[in-house]
Amino acid sequence: MTPAPQPAFAAAAPGGDAPGRSPYETLRYDLRDDVATLAFARPERLNVLDAQAKADLIHALRRAGSEARAVVLTGLGEAFCAGHALGDAPRIRELDLGRTMREETRPLLEAMAASPLPILAAVNGVAAGAGLALVLAADVAVAAEGASFAVTSSRVGVIPDAGLSFWLPRLVGPARARGLAMLGEPISARQAADWGLIWEAVPDAAFAERIEARARALASGPTQGHRLTREALRSGLELSWSEQLEREADLQAQAGRTRDFLSAALAEAEGRPARFEGR
């Protein structure tokens, strides 16, 4: 598979880390125009997730939260992320998968959920297993048409983890969730979009341009409003109708106290475009 073109800001940029000088072993971190791009940088290993990759991503998400207004998560090479790294045979015999979930994977997912910034998954290639879980944990996901998605747990006799068992039945329904998980067959980016797993699939040649446009739209938007919107939509998966209405009232009260709301409301009243500051 030919890798989809990378967004321009996936190259080293002012405020980012120059190639070969990144503090991360597994990631490239670049900052441009209020967008922090976190790119898995082990294409020879299909950007698999091991303990170091998870730790790097947690740190990079926290770093981005203090210096950017949107995050792009992507991969270098042919894969977005091919899932968990199981290691070689001797290490496999020592694996405690429950401990790995609790001590490595859950903290990463919680860091994504707690990020003050909107997260855009730019799916450039294969997103399998935990890689798919990261896509679903993002706020918006855009995929190149050449990308593919798969739940790979059945290939090694385990369950879908990293939040897949939570998201899949909610997004695609129980029947499709079981088919994805038990058959392990990959689906195309177009099919993923049709099923509601991602926001959109775009031609490979247009992928970089579309990602840049989506990222800049998020970065120039109401950062606090985006964060509160995420909270509202996620609580709506759990609460009753009555409880959710009360939750909406609480979150809307918070949104109404932001500087962005006040300036945007005044701009609308005066017939001029709103300009958000992220506060």
C-alpha atoms as a PDB file:
ATOM      1  CA  MET A   1       0.000   0.000   0.000  1.00  0.00           C
ATOM      2  CA  THR A   2       1.288   3.481  -0.865  1.00  0.00           C
ATOM      3  CA  PRO A   3       1.196   5.693   2.227  1.00  0.00           C
ATOM      4  CA  ALA A   4      -1.207   8.614   2.087  1.00  0.00           C
ATOM      5  CA  PRO A   5       0.519  12.003   1.771  1.00  0.00           C
ATOM      6  CA  GLN A   6       1.405  13.465   5.166  1.00  0.00           C
ATOM      7  CA  PRO A   7       0.030  16.857   6.213  1.00  0.00           C
ATOM      8  CA  ALA A   8       2.548  19.659   5.822  1.00  0.00           C
ATOM      9  CA  PHE A   9       2.654  20.215   9.560  1.00  0.00           C
ATOM     10  CA  ALA A  10       3.734  16.600  10.133  1.00  0.00           C
ATOM     11  CA  ALA A  11       7.239  17.756   9.195  1.00  0.00           C
ATOM     12  CA  ALA A  12       9.356  19.450  11.833  1.00  0.00           C
ATOM     13  CA  ALA A  13       8.098  22.953  12.482  1.00  0.00           C
ATOM     14  CA  PRO A  14       8.880  25.889  14.766  1.00  0.00           C
ATOM     15  CA  GLY A  15       7.979  24.790  18.267  1.00  0.00           C
ATOM     16  CA  GLY A  16       8.221  21.124  17.349  1.00  0.00           C
ATOM     17  CA  ASP A  17      11.024  18.607  17.588  1.00  0.00           C
ATOM     18  CA  ALA A  18      13.546  18.383  14.782  1.00  0.00           C
ATOM     19  CA  PRO A  19      14.082  14.900  13.301  1.00  0.00           C
ATOM     20  CA  GLY A  20      16.562  12.979  15.417  1.00  0.00           C
ATOM     21  CA  ARG A  21      16.163  15.357  18.371  1.00  0.00           C
ATOM     22  CA  SER A  22      12.767  14.363  19.721  1.00  0.00           C
ATOM     23  CA  PRO A  23      12.519  13.620  23.446  1.00  0.00           C
ATOM     24  CA  TYR A  24      10.241  10.736  22.497  1.00  0.00           C
ATOM     25  CA  GLU A  25      11.458   7.332  21.379  1.00  0.00           C
ATOM     26  CA  THR A  26       8.314   6.441  19.469  1.00  0.00           C
ATOM     27  CA  LEU A  27       6.706   9.738  18.436  1.00  0.00           C
ATOM     28  CA  ARG A  28       7.387  12.812  16.370  1.00  0.00           C
ATOM     29  CA  TYR A  29       5.948  15.955  17.951  1.00  0.00           C
ATOM     30  CA  ASP A  30       5.396  19.055  15.821  1.00  0.00           C
ATOM     31  CA  LEU A  31       3.697  22.339  16.658  1.00  0.00           C
ATOM     32  CA  ARG A  32       2.443  24.812  14.079  1.00  0.00           C
ATOM     33  CA  ASP A  33      -0.435  27.294  13.997  1.00  0.00           C
ATOM     34  CA  ASP A  34      -1.777  26.084  17.364  1.00  0.00           C
ATOM     35  CA  VAL A  35      -1.925  22.488  16.085  1.00  0.00           C
ATOM     36  CA  ALA A  36       0.185  19.837  17.821  1.00  0.00           C
ATOM     37  CA  THR A  37       0.779  16.864  15.535  1.00  0.00           C
ATOM     38  CA  LEU A  38       1.677  13.623  17.308  1.00  0.00           C
ATOM     39  CA  ALA A  39       2.895  11.096  14.752  1.00  0.00           C
ATOM     40  CA  PHE A  40       3.751   7.509  15.616  1.00  0.00           C
ATOM     41  CA  ALA A  41       7.280   7.226  14.255  1.00  0.00           C
ATOM     42  CA  ARG A  42       8.128   3.537  13.997  1.00  0.00           C
ATOM     43  CA  PRO A  43       6.840   2.719  10.522  1.00  0.00           C
ATOM     44  CA  GLU A  44       9.084  -0.341  10.289  1.00  0.00           C
ATOM     45  CA  ARG A  45       7.025  -1.834  13.147  1.00  0.00           C
ATOM     46  CA  LEU A  46       3.701  -0.535  11.814  1.00  0.00           C
ATOM     47  CA  ASN A  47       3.625   1.902  14.736  1.00  0.00           C
ATOM     48  CA  VAL A  48       2.623  -0.737  17.273  1.00  0.00           C
ATOM     49  CA  LEU A  49       1.780   0.269  20.828  1.00  0.00           C
ATOM     50  CA  ASP A  50       4.160  -0.906  23.520  1.00  0.00           C
ATOM     51  CA  ALA A  51       4.745   0.517  26.991  1.00  0.00           C
ATOM     52  CA  GLN A  52       7.106   3.189  25.675  1.00  0.00           C
ATOM     53  CA  ALA A  53       4.714   4.312  22.945  1.00  0.00           C
ATOM     54  CA  LYS A  54       1.897   4.668  25.459  1.00  0.00           C
ATOM     55  CA  ALA A  55       4.087   6.624  27.877  1.00  0.00           C
ATOM     56  CA  ASP A  56       5.316   8.876  25.070  1.00  0.00           C
ATOM     57  CA  LEU A  57       1.780   9.574  23.898  1.00  0.00           C
ATOM     58  CA  ILE A  58       0.558  10.400  27.404  1.00  0.00           C
ATOM     59  CA  HIS A  59       3.403  12.881  27.882  1.00  0.00           C
ATOM     60  CA  ALA A  60       2.897  14.413  24.435  1.00  0.00           C
ATOM     61  CA  LEU A  61      -0.835  14.883  25.035  1.00  0.00           C
ATOM     62  CA  ARG A  62      -0.127  16.728  28.273  1.00  0.00           C
ATOM     63  CA  ARG A  63       2.521  18.840  26.563  1.00  0.00           C
ATOM     64  CA  ALA A  64       0.108  19.740  23.781  1.00  0.00           C
ATOM     65  CA  GLY A  65      -2.502  20.748  26.328  1.00  0.00           C
ATOM     66  CA  SER A  66      -0.260  23.570  27.515  1.00  0.00           C
ATOM     67  CA  GLU A  67       0.853  24.943  24.138  1.00  0.00           C
ATOM     68  CA  ALA A  68      -1.691  24.117  21.419  1.00  0.00           C
ATOM     69  CA  ARG A  69      -5.403  24.376  20.690  1.00  0.00           C
ATOM     70  CA  ALA A  70      -5.889  21.118  18.781  1.00  0.00           C
ATOM     71  CA  VAL A  71      -4.147  17.758  18.474  1.00  0.00           C
ATOM     72  CA  VAL A  72      -3.660  15.644  15.360  1.00  0.00           C
ATOM     73  CA  LEU A  73      -2.818  11.991  15.986  1.00  0.00           C
ATOM     74  CA  THR A  74      -1.390  10.150  12.977  1.00  0.00           C
ATOM     75  CA  GLY A  75       1.255   7.660  11.904  1.00  0.00           C
ATOM     76  CA  LEU A  76       4.276   7.705   9.636  1.00  0.00           C
ATOM     77  CA  GLY A  77       4.513   5.149   6.852  1.00  0.00           C
ATOM     78  CA  GLU A  78       1.863   2.623   5.861  1.00  0.00           C
ATOM     79  CA  ALA A  79       0.174   2.260   9.247  1.00  0.00           C
ATOM     80  CA  PHE A  80      -1.647   4.530  11.624  1.00  0.00           C
ATOM     81  CA  CYS A  81      -1.169   2.009  14.434  1.00  0.00           C
ATOM     82  CA  ALA A  82      -1.311  -1.771  14.177  1.00  0.00           C
ATOM     83  CA  GLY A  83      -2.281  -2.309  17.812  1.00  0.00           C
ATOM     84  CA  HIS A  84      -0.583  -3.746  20.863  1.00  0.00           C
ATOM     85  CA  ALA A  85       2.978  -5.046  20.639  1.00  0.00           C
ATOM     86  CA  LEU A  86       3.071  -8.535  22.120  1.00  0.00           C
ATOM     87  CA  GLY A  87       6.846  -8.941  21.954  1.00  0.00           C
ATOM     88  CA  ASP A  88       8.937 -12.018  21.273  1.00  0.00           C
ATOM     89  CA  ALA A  89       8.231 -15.551  22.489  1.00  0.00           C
ATOM     90  CA  PRO A  90      10.024 -15.366  25.876  1.00  0.00           C
ATOM     91  CA  ARG A  91       8.216 -12.154  26.795  1.00  0.00           C
ATOM     92  CA  ILE A  92       4.834 -13.466  25.672  1.00  0.00           C
ATOM     93  CA  ARG A  93       5.055 -16.215  28.287  1.00  0.00           C
ATOM     94  CA  GLU A  94       5.429 -13.551  30.980  1.00  0.00           C
ATOM     95  CA  LEU A  95       2.632 -11.250  29.837  1.00  0.00           C
ATOM     96  CA  ASP A  96      -0.083 -10.227  32.288  1.00  0.00           C
ATOM     97  CA  LEU A  97      -2.651  -8.732  29.943  1.00  0.00           C
ATOM     98  CA  GLY A  98      -4.892  -7.470  32.735  1.00  0.00           C
ATOM     99  CA  ARG A  99      -2.010  -5.628  34.345  1.00  0.00           C
ATOM    100  CA  THR A 100      -0.991  -4.156  30.991  1.00  0.00           C
ATOM    101  CA  MET A 101      -4.520  -2.848  30.507  1.00  0.00           C
ATOM    102  CA  ARG A 102      -4.692  -1.307  33.979  1.00  0.00           C
ATOM    103  CA  GLU A 103      -1.183   0.161  34.146  1.00  0.00           C
ATOM    104  CA  GLU A 104      -0.468   1.144  30.528  1.00  0.00           C
ATOM    105  CA  THR A 105      -3.516   1.233  28.272  1.00  0.00           C
ATOM    106  CA  ARG A 106      -6.142   2.678  30.599  1.00  0.00           C
ATOM    107  CA  PRO A 107      -3.947   5.657  31.604  1.00  0.00           C
ATOM    108  CA  LEU A 108      -3.473   6.472  27.916  1.00  0.00           C
ATOM    109  CA  LEU A 109      -7.193   6.379  27.167  1.00  0.00           C
ATOM    110  CA  GLU A 110      -7.895   8.476  30.254  1.00  0.00           C
ATOM    111  CA  ALA A 111      -5.292  11.008  29.102  1.00  0.00           C
ATOM    112  CA  MET A 112      -7.084  11.299  25.768  1.00  0.00           C
ATOM    113  CA  ALA A 113     -10.456  11.706  27.462  1.00  0.00           C
ATOM    114  CA  ALA A 114      -9.043  14.333  29.830  1.00  0.00           C
ATOM    115  CA  SER A 115      -7.264  16.373  27.159  1.00  0.00           C
ATOM    116  CA  PRO A 116      -8.463  19.992  27.149  1.00  0.00           C
ATOM    117  CA  LEU A 117      -8.021  20.004  23.367  1.00  0.00           C
ATOM    118  CA  PRO A 118     -10.022  18.439  20.541  1.00  0.00           C
ATOM    119  CA  ILE A 119      -8.203  15.410  19.119  1.00  0.00           C
ATOM    120  CA  LEU A 120      -8.311  14.663  15.390  1.00  0.00           C
ATOM    121  CA  ALA A 121      -7.308  11.152  14.333  1.00  0.00           C
ATOM    122  CA  ALA A 122      -5.711  11.360  10.884  1.00  0.00           C
ATOM    123  CA  VAL A 123      -5.855   7.724   9.822  1.00  0.00           C
ATOM    124  CA  ASN A 124      -3.224   7.359   7.123  1.00  0.00           C
ATOM    125  CA  GLY A 125      -3.159   3.553   6.935  1.00  0.00           C
ATOM    126  CA  VAL A 126      -3.880   0.418   8.940  1.00  0.00           C
ATOM    127  CA  ALA A 127      -5.679   0.976  12.252  1.00  0.00           C
ATOM    128  CA  ALA A 128      -5.991  -2.392  13.976  1.00  0.00           C
ATOM    129  CA  GLY A 129      -6.794  -3.532  17.488  1.00  0.00           C
ATOM    130  CA  ALA A 130      -5.706  -0.880  19.966  1.00  0.00           C
ATOM    131  CA  GLY A 131      -4.915   1.343  16.989  1.00  0.00           C
ATOM    132  CA  LEU A 132      -8.600   1.308  16.090  1.00  0.00           C
ATOM    133  CA  ALA A 133      -9.384   2.007  19.746  1.00  0.00           C
ATOM    134  CA  LEU A 134      -7.306   5.193  19.572  1.00  0.00           C
ATOM    135  CA  VAL A 135      -9.289   6.278  16.513  1.00  0.00           C
ATOM    136  CA  LEU A 136     -12.551   5.773  18.392  1.00  0.00           C
ATOM    137  CA  ALA A 137     -11.193   7.606  21.439  1.00  0.00           C
ATOM    138  CA  ALA A 138     -10.444  10.691  19.331  1.00  0.00           C
ATOM    139  CA  ASP A 139     -13.062  13.403  18.918  1.00  0.00           C
ATOM    140  CA  VAL A 140     -13.047  13.447  15.112  1.00  0.00           C
ATOM    141  CA  ALA A 141     -11.553  10.832  12.797  1.00  0.00           C
ATOM    142  CA  VAL A 142     -10.707  11.351   9.134  1.00  0.00           C
ATOM    143  CA  ALA A 143      -9.230   8.500   7.095  1.00  0.00           C
ATOM    144  CA  ALA A 144      -7.532   8.197   3.750  1.00  0.00           C
ATOM    145  CA  GLU A 145      -9.483   5.888   1.450  1.00  0.00           C
ATOM    146  CA  GLY A 146      -6.525   3.517   1.404  1.00  0.00           C
ATOM    147  CA  ALA A 147      -6.720   3.031   5.170  1.00  0.00           C
ATOM    148  CA  SER A 148      -8.292  -0.042   6.732  1.00  0.00           C
ATOM    149  CA  PHE A 149      -9.718  -0.941  10.121  1.00  0.00           C
ATOM    150  CA  ALA A 150      -9.762  -4.253  11.965  1.00  0.00           C
ATOM    151  CA  VAL A 151     -10.459  -5.786  15.347  1.00  0.00           C
ATOM    152  CA  THR A 152      -7.684  -8.335  15.689  1.00  0.00           C
ATOM    153  CA  SER A 153      -8.279  -9.836  19.135  1.00  0.00           C
ATOM    154  CA  SER A 154      -9.740 -13.086  17.779  1.00  0.00           C
ATOM    155  CA  ARG A 155      -6.459 -13.809  15.977  1.00  0.00           C
ATOM    156  CA  VAL A 156      -4.757 -14.410  19.319  1.00  0.00           C
ATOM    157  CA  GLY A 157      -7.733 -15.618  21.353  1.00  0.00           C
ATOM    158  CA  VAL A 158      -8.422 -12.560  23.505  1.00  0.00           C
ATOM    159  CA  ILE A 159     -11.204  -9.980  23.758  1.00  0.00           C
ATOM    160  CA  PRO A 160     -11.417  -6.535  22.150  1.00  0.00           C
ATOM    161  CA  ASP A 161      -9.841  -4.175  24.672  1.00  0.00           C
ATOM    162  CA  ALA A 162      -8.613  -0.573  24.971  1.00  0.00           C
ATOM    163  CA  GLY A 163     -12.257   0.497  25.049  1.00  0.00           C
ATOM    164  CA  LEU A 164     -13.315  -1.352  21.895  1.00  0.00           C
ATOM    165  CA  SER A 165     -15.888  -3.412  23.788  1.00  0.00           C
ATOM    166  CA  PHE A 166     -17.421  -0.114  24.959  1.00  0.00           C
ATOM    167  CA  TRP A 167     -17.423   1.791  21.676  1.00  0.00           C
ATOM    168  CA  LEU A 168     -18.152  -0.847  19.037  1.00  0.00           C
ATOM    169  CA  PRO A 169     -21.689  -1.885  20.079  1.00  0.00           C
ATOM    170  CA  ARG A 170     -22.602   1.754  20.648  1.00  0.00           C
ATOM    171  CA  LEU A 171     -21.315   2.925  17.282  1.00  0.00           C
ATOM    172  CA  VAL A 172     -22.165   0.071  14.921  1.00  0.00           C
ATOM    173  CA  GLY A 173     -24.677  -2.008  16.902  1.00  0.00           C
ATOM    174  CA  PRO A 174     -24.280  -5.421  18.560  1.00  0.00           C
ATOM    175  CA  ALA A 175     -24.463  -7.520  15.371  1.00  0.00           C
ATOM    176  CA  ARG A 176     -21.735  -5.646  13.526  1.00  0.00           C
ATOM    177  CA  ALA A 177     -19.661  -5.386  16.695  1.00  0.00           C
ATOM    178  CA  ARG A 178     -19.727  -9.172  17.070  1.00  0.00           C
ATOM    179  CA  GLY A 179     -18.869  -9.661  13.406  1.00  0.00           C
ATOM    180  CA  LEU A 180     -15.925  -7.285  13.587  1.00  0.00           C
ATOM    181  CA  ALA A 181     -14.639  -8.851  16.794  1.00  0.00           C
ATOM    182  CA  MET A 182     -15.172 -12.542  16.054  1.00  0.00           C
ATOM    183  CA  LEU A 183     -14.375 -12.673  12.344  1.00  0.00           C
ATOM    184  CA  GLY A 184     -11.499 -10.214  12.497  1.00  0.00           C
ATOM    185  CA  GLU A 185     -11.997  -9.142   8.897  1.00  0.00           C
ATOM    186  CA  PRO A 186     -10.709  -5.685   7.948  1.00  0.00           C
ATOM    187  CA  ILE A 187     -13.088  -3.077   6.605  1.00  0.00           C
ATOM    188  CA  SER A 188     -12.295  -0.181   4.296  1.00  0.00           C
ATOM    189  CA  ALA A 189     -12.268   3.472   5.233  1.00  0.00           C
ATOM    190  CA  ARG A 190     -15.449   4.012   3.213  1.00  0.00           C
ATOM    191  CA  GLN A 191     -17.193   1.217   5.071  1.00  0.00           C
ATOM    192  CA  ALA A 192     -15.966   2.586   8.395  1.00  0.00           C
ATOM    193  CA  ALA A 193     -17.475   5.955   7.506  1.00  0.00           C
ATOM    194  CA  ASP A 194     -20.744   4.352   6.372  1.00  0.00           C
ATOM    195  CA  TRP A 195     -20.969   2.449   9.659  1.00  0.00           C
ATOM    196  CA  GLY A 196     -20.272   5.518  11.779  1.00  0.00           C
ATOM    197  CA  LEU A 197     -16.834   4.548  13.068  1.00  0.00           C
ATOM    198  CA  ILE A 198     -15.221   7.676  11.597  1.00  0.00           C
ATOM    199  CA  TRP A 199     -16.343  11.093  10.404  1.00  0.00           C
ATOM    200  CA  GLU A 200     -15.224  10.785   6.785  1.00  0.00           C
ATOM    201  CA  ALA A 201     -13.035   8.959   4.277  1.00  0.00           C
ATOM    202  CA  VAL A 202     -11.262  11.052   1.653  1.00  0.00           C
ATOM    203  CA  PRO A 203      -9.206  10.176  -1.438  1.00  0.00           C
ATOM    204  CA  ASP A 204      -5.578   9.539  -0.599  1.00  0.00           C
ATOM    205  CA  ALA A 205      -4.417  12.441  -2.766  1.00  0.00           C
ATOM    206  CA  ALA A 206      -6.661  14.856  -0.846  1.00  0.00           C
ATOM    207  CA  PHE A 207      -5.905  13.445   2.602  1.00  0.00           C
ATOM    208  CA  ALA A 208      -3.155  15.856   3.684  1.00  0.00           C
ATOM    209  CA  GLU A 209      -5.087  18.924   2.579  1.00  0.00           C
ATOM    210  CA  ARG A 210      -8.261  17.731   4.303  1.00  0.00           C
ATOM    211  CA  ILE A 211      -6.438  17.002   7.553  1.00  0.00           C
ATOM    212  CA  GLU A 212      -4.862  20.448   7.571  1.00  0.00           C
ATOM    213  CA  ALA A 213      -8.249  22.069   6.991  1.00  0.00           C
ATOM    214  CA  ARG A 214      -9.969  20.047   9.711  1.00  0.00           C
ATOM    215  CA  ALA A 215      -7.142  20.626  12.179  1.00  0.00           C
ATOM    216  CA  ARG A 216      -7.118  24.364  11.638  1.00  0.00           C
ATOM    217  CA  ALA A 217     -10.897  24.517  11.965  1.00  0.00           C
ATOM    218  CA  LEU A 218     -10.661  22.799  15.346  1.00  0.00           C
ATOM    219  CA  ALA A 219      -7.705  24.919  16.469  1.00  0.00           C
ATOM    220  CA  SER A 220      -9.465  28.172  15.598  1.00  0.00           C
ATOM    221  CA  GLY A 221     -12.711  27.139  17.272  1.00  0.00           C
ATOM    222  CA  PRO A 222     -14.006  27.499  20.843  1.00  0.00           C
ATOM    223  CA  THR A 223     -11.516  25.297  22.686  1.00  0.00           C
ATOM    224  CA  GLN A 224     -13.440  25.296  25.952  1.00  0.00           C
ATOM    225  CA  GLY A 225     -16.691  24.746  24.101  1.00  0.00           C
ATOM    226  CA  HIS A 226     -15.179  21.746  22.312  1.00  0.00           C
ATOM    227  CA  ARG A 227     -14.089  20.262  25.644  1.00  0.00           C
ATOM    228  CA  LEU A 228     -17.525  20.745  27.182  1.00  0.00           C
ATOM    229  CA  THR A 229     -19.194  19.336  24.060  1.00  0.00           C
ATOM    230  CA  ARG A 230     -17.106  16.175  24.424  1.00  0.00           C
ATOM    231  CA  GLU A 231     -18.227  15.850  28.046  1.00  0.00           C
ATOM    232  CA  ALA A 232     -21.874  16.330  27.108  1.00  0.00           C
ATOM    233  CA  LEU A 233     -21.837  13.787  24.293  1.00  0.00           C
ATOM    234  CA  ARG A 234     -20.039  11.173  26.373  1.00  0.00           C
ATOM    235  CA  SER A 235     -22.324  11.558  29.369  1.00  0.00           C
ATOM    236  CA  GLY A 236     -25.243  11.136  26.982  1.00  0.00           C
ATOM    237  CA  LEU A 237     -24.094   7.549  26.433  1.00  0.00           C
ATOM    238  CA  GLU A 238     -24.523   6.766  30.112  1.00  0.00           C
ATOM    239  CA  LEU A 239     -27.230   8.917  31.688  1.00  0.00           C
ATOM    240  CA  SER A 240     -31.002   8.801  31.548  1.00  0.00           C
ATOM    241  CA  TRP A 241     -32.869  11.470  29.574  1.00  0.00           C
ATOM    242  CA  SER A 242     -33.676  13.425  32.722  1.00  0.00           C
ATOM    243  CA  GLU A 243     -30.144  13.132  34.080  1.00  0.00           C
ATOM    244  CA  GLN A 244     -28.688  14.236  30.766  1.00  0.00           C
ATOM    245  CA  LEU A 245     -30.864  17.348  30.654  1.00  0.00           C
ATOM    246  CA  GLU A 246     -29.477  18.333  34.051  1.00  0.00           C
ATOM    247  CA  ARG A 247     -25.949  17.574  32.879  1.00  0.00           C
ATOM    248  CA  GLU A 248     -26.529  19.753  29.827  1.00  0.00           C
ATOM    249  CA  ALA A 249     -27.635  22.607  32.070  1.00  0.00           C
ATOM    250  CA  ASP A 250     -24.479  22.303  34.187  1.00  0.00           C
ATOM    251  CA  LEU A 251     -22.165  22.191  31.184  1.00  0.00           C
ATOM    252  CA  GLN A 252     -24.006  24.979  29.381  1.00  0.00           C
ATOM    253  CA  ALA A 253     -23.606  27.163  32.452  1.00  0.00           C
ATOM    254  CA  GLN A 254     -19.856  26.591  32.249  1.00  0.00           C
ATOM    255  CA  ALA A 255     -19.818  27.362  28.534  1.00  0.00           C
ATOM    256  CA  GLY A 256     -21.761  30.548  29.145  1.00  0.00           C
ATOM    257  CA  ARG A 257     -19.019  31.822  31.432  1.00  0.00           C
ATOM    258  CA  THR A 258     -16.231  31.482  28.857  1.00  0.00           C
ATOM    259  CA  ARG A 259     -14.732  34.498  27.119  1.00  0.00           C
ATOM    260  CA  ASP A 260     -15.354  32.820  23.771  1.00  0.00           C
ATOM    261  CA  PHE A 261     -19.102  32.683  24.366  1.00  0.00           C
ATOM    262  CA  LEU A 262     -19.304  36.322  25.395  1.00  0.00           C
ATOM    263  CA  SER A 263     -17.264  37.552  22.435  1.00  0.00           C
ATOM    264  CA  ALA A 264     -19.098  35.296  19.950  1.00  0.00           C
ATOM    265  CA  ALA A 265     -22.523  36.322  21.246  1.00  0.00           C
ATOM    266  CA  LEU A 266     -21.576  39.996  20.928  1.00  0.00           C
ATOM    267  CA  ALA A 267     -20.189  39.386  17.445  1.00  0.00           C
ATOM    268  CA  GLU A 268     -23.425  37.726  16.339  1.00  0.00           C
ATOM    269  CA  ALA A 269     -25.506  40.546  17.805  1.00  0.00           C
ATOM    270  CA  GLU A 270     -23.369  43.068  15.932  1.00  0.00           C
ATOM    271  CA  GLY A 271     -23.415  41.124  12.667  1.00  0.00           C
ATOM    272  CA  ARG A 272     -19.706  40.331  12.494  1.00  0.00           C
ATOM    273  CA  PRO A 273     -17.826  37.007  12.440  1.00  0.00           C
ATOM    274  CA  ALA A 274     -16.843  35.499  15.774  1.00  0.00           C
ATOM    275  CA  ARG A 275     -13.175  35.113  16.556  1.00  0.00           C
ATOM    276  CA  PHE A 276     -12.391  32.547  19.218  1.00  0.00           C
ATOM    277  CA  GLU A 277      -9.419  32.789  21.553  1.00  0.00           C
ATOM    278  CA  GLY A 278      -9.794  29.386  23.191  1.00  0.00           C
ATOM    279  CA  ARG A 279     -10.718  30.875  26.582  1.00  0.00           C
END
